[in-house]
């Protein structure tokens, strides 16, 4: 069952959580790897911002796709 527009039901939250793990976690792993290798925070932060952007874009897509 699809959620109402601008709300998410439990099934949609679970799907979104899986997307977070599949797409954001690898980017954040690379971000922390860069930090551990001595890359400046200002340079590495763009990767974390990109991951956050993708996460929020997916959330808004799911929110706006309801009935």
Protein backbone atom coordinates (compact mmCIF):
# COMPACT_ATOMS: atom_id res chain seq x y z
CA UNK A 1 0.00 0.00 0.00
CA UNK A 2 1.38 3.35 -1.03
CA UNK A 3 1.60 6.14 1.54
CA UNK A 4 -0.48 9.29 1.33
CA UNK A 5 1.28 12.20 -0.25
CA UNK A 6 3.82 13.89 2.09
CA UNK A 7 3.70 11.00 4.59
CA UNK A 8 5.46 7.65 4.74
CA UNK A 9 4.14 4.39 6.09
CA UNK A 10 6.31 1.79 7.81
CA UNK A 11 7.03 -0.06 4.56
CA UNK A 12 8.26 3.13 2.88
CA UNK A 13 10.47 4.00 5.87
CA UNK A 14 12.04 0.53 5.66
CA UNK A 15 12.69 0.97 1.92
CA UNK A 16 14.24 4.38 2.56
CA UNK A 17 16.41 2.93 5.36
CA UNK A 18 17.70 0.24 3.01
CA UNK A 19 18.55 2.91 0.43
CA UNK A 20 20.44 4.82 3.13
CA UNK A 21 22.54 1.75 3.85
CA UNK A 22 23.16 0.90 0.21
CA UNK A 23 24.03 4.36 -1.11
CA UNK A 24 25.06 6.61 1.77
CA UNK A 25 27.14 4.21 3.86
CA UNK A 26 29.76 3.55 1.12
CA UNK A 27 30.16 7.28 0.47
CA UNK A 28 30.60 7.96 4.17
CA UNK A 29 33.12 5.12 4.41
CA UNK A 30 35.16 6.79 1.68
CA UNK A 31 34.78 10.12 3.50
CA UNK A 32 36.20 8.69 6.73
CA UNK A 33 38.94 6.88 4.80
CA UNK A 34 39.99 10.18 3.24
CA UNK A 35 40.13 11.78 6.68
CA UNK A 36 42.25 8.92 8.00
CA UNK A 37 44.68 9.40 5.10
CA UNK A 38 45.20 13.05 6.00
CA UNK A 39 42.92 14.76 3.49
CA UNK A 40 41.75 18.14 4.79
CA UNK A 41 38.23 18.24 6.18
CA UNK A 42 37.25 21.02 3.77
CA UNK A 43 38.14 18.82 0.79
CA UNK A 44 36.64 15.61 2.15
CA UNK A 45 33.45 17.29 3.35
CA UNK A 46 32.13 17.60 -0.21
CA UNK A 47 31.76 13.83 -0.39
CA UNK A 48 29.69 13.79 2.81
CA UNK A 49 27.55 16.65 1.49
CA UNK A 50 26.99 14.75 -1.75
CA UNK A 51 25.89 11.67 0.23
CA UNK A 52 23.51 13.79 2.31
CA UNK A 53 22.09 15.38 -0.83
CA UNK A 54 21.32 11.95 -2.29
CA UNK A 55 19.73 10.84 0.95
CA UNK A 56 17.46 13.90 1.12
CA UNK A 57 16.59 13.70 -2.59
CA UNK A 58 15.46 10.09 -2.13
CA UNK A 59 13.41 11.02 0.94
CA UNK A 60 11.62 13.88 -0.85
CA UNK A 61 11.02 11.68 -3.88
CA UNK A 62 9.32 9.10 -1.68
CA UNK A 63 7.33 11.77 0.19
CA UNK A 64 6.03 13.40 -2.99
CA UNK A 65 5.18 10.11 -4.73
CA UNK A 66 2.16 9.31 -2.55
CA UNK A 67 -1.46 9.28 -3.61
